[in-house]
Amino acid sequence: MRSLFRVPTSAALLGIITICGSVSLASAEEARVAKVRKPPSACVGLDESACGDKSECYWRKATTLKSGKMRRAHCRIKRSAKQNAPA
């Protein structure tokens, strides 16, 4: 009696793996492209004098974290300005 199922050859398995791999790569690429990044706030990249001129920004001084890492001084957006900003 003959078997109802055939054992796939190595070439057929390689083709199936290639097709599945390219499909998963394509879907990963689409997911990465579909992710929309928010624009940076108005305070990003400003120096200390420009940051002080804007009412919605404040200057954060350089500090040392508990781990010993130094955090540089930078301009930040105030929480109230961030929450009340028009969408």
Protein backbone atom coordinates (compact mmCIF):
# COMPACT_ATOMS: atom_id res chain seq x y z
CA MET A 1 0.00 0.00 0.00
CA ARG A 2 1.27 3.44 -0.90
CA SER A 3 1.55 6.29 1.55
CA LEU A 4 -0.89 9.17 1.08
CA PHE A 5 1.70 11.76 2.04
CA ARG A 6 4.89 12.45 0.21
CA VAL A 7 8.04 13.45 1.99
CA PRO A 8 9.04 16.86 0.61
CA THR A 9 12.43 17.13 -0.99
CA SER A 10 15.07 19.51 0.30
CA ALA A 11 14.51 21.83 -2.68
CA ALA A 12 10.79 22.09 -1.88
CA LEU A 13 11.55 22.79 1.79
CA LEU A 14 14.06 25.48 0.82
CA GLY A 15 11.44 27.14 -1.39
CA ILE A 16 8.85 27.11 1.38
CA ILE A 17 11.31 28.58 3.89
CA THR A 18 12.34 31.29 1.43
CA ILE A 19 8.73 32.31 0.77
CA CYS A 20 7.85 32.37 4.47
CA GLY A 21 10.97 34.36 5.29
CA SER A 22 10.32 37.00 2.65
CA VAL A 23 6.71 37.40 3.78
CA SER A 24 7.74 37.94 7.40
CA LEU A 25 10.43 40.46 6.37
CA ALA A 26 7.94 42.37 4.24
CA SER A 27 5.40 42.56 7.06
CA ALA A 28 8.10 43.73 9.50
CA GLU A 29 9.14 46.44 7.04
CA GLU A 30 5.53 47.63 6.67
CA ALA A 31 5.12 47.77 10.44
CA ARG A 32 8.28 49.85 10.78
CA VAL A 33 7.23 52.27 8.04
CA ALA A 34 3.70 52.58 9.41
CA LYS A 35 4.93 53.83 12.80
CA VAL A 36 4.50 57.61 12.81
CA ARG A 37 6.87 59.66 14.91
CA LYS A 38 5.70 62.74 16.78
CA PRO A 39 7.45 65.99 15.88
CA PRO A 40 9.85 67.22 18.57
CA SER A 41 8.68 69.92 20.96
CA ALA A 42 9.46 73.59 20.40
CA CYS A 43 12.09 73.41 23.16
CA VAL A 44 14.30 70.67 21.70
CA GLY A 45 17.81 71.83 20.79
CA LEU A 46 17.57 75.36 22.16
CA ASP A 47 20.44 76.95 24.04
CA GLU A 48 19.95 78.47 27.50
CA SER A 49 19.15 82.02 26.38
CA ALA A 50 16.69 80.93 23.67
CA CYS A 51 15.06 78.52 26.11
CA GLY A 52 14.53 81.31 28.66
CA ASP A 53 12.88 83.48 26.00
CA LYS A 54 10.09 80.96 25.38
CA SER A 55 7.33 80.88 28.00
CA GLU A 56 6.51 77.19 27.38
CA CYS A 57 10.11 76.04 28.03
CA TYR A 58 12.45 75.85 31.02
CA TRP A 59 16.19 75.15 31.39
CA ARG A 60 17.19 71.98 33.22
CA LYS A 61 20.63 72.13 34.84
CA ALA A 62 23.27 69.41 34.45
CA THR A 63 23.04 66.75 37.17
CA THR A 64 24.74 63.54 38.22
CA LEU A 65 22.52 60.47 38.51
CA LYS A 66 22.79 57.89 41.30
CA SER A 67 24.55 55.57 38.86
CA GLY A 68 27.30 58.18 38.39
CA LYS A 69 26.22 59.08 34.86
CA MET A 70 26.24 62.80 34.01
CA ARG A 71 23.08 64.27 32.50
CA ARG A 72 23.78 67.33 30.36
CA ALA A 73 21.88 70.59 30.76
CA HIS A 74 19.03 70.93 28.26
CA CYS A 75 15.82 72.77 27.47
CA ARG A 76 12.51 71.07 28.33
CA ILE A 77 8.87 71.81 27.67
CA LYS A 78 6.74 72.61 30.74
CA ARG A 79 4.14 69.97 31.58
CA SER A 80 1.24 72.42 31.49
CA ALA A 81 2.28 73.65 28.03
CA LYS A 82 2.58 70.07 26.80
CA GLN A 83 -0.88 69.07 28.06
CA ASN A 84 -2.60 72.21 26.80
CA ALA A 85 -0.93 72.21 23.37
CA PRO A 86 -3.39 72.01 20.43
CA ALA A 87 -3.43 68.65 18.69
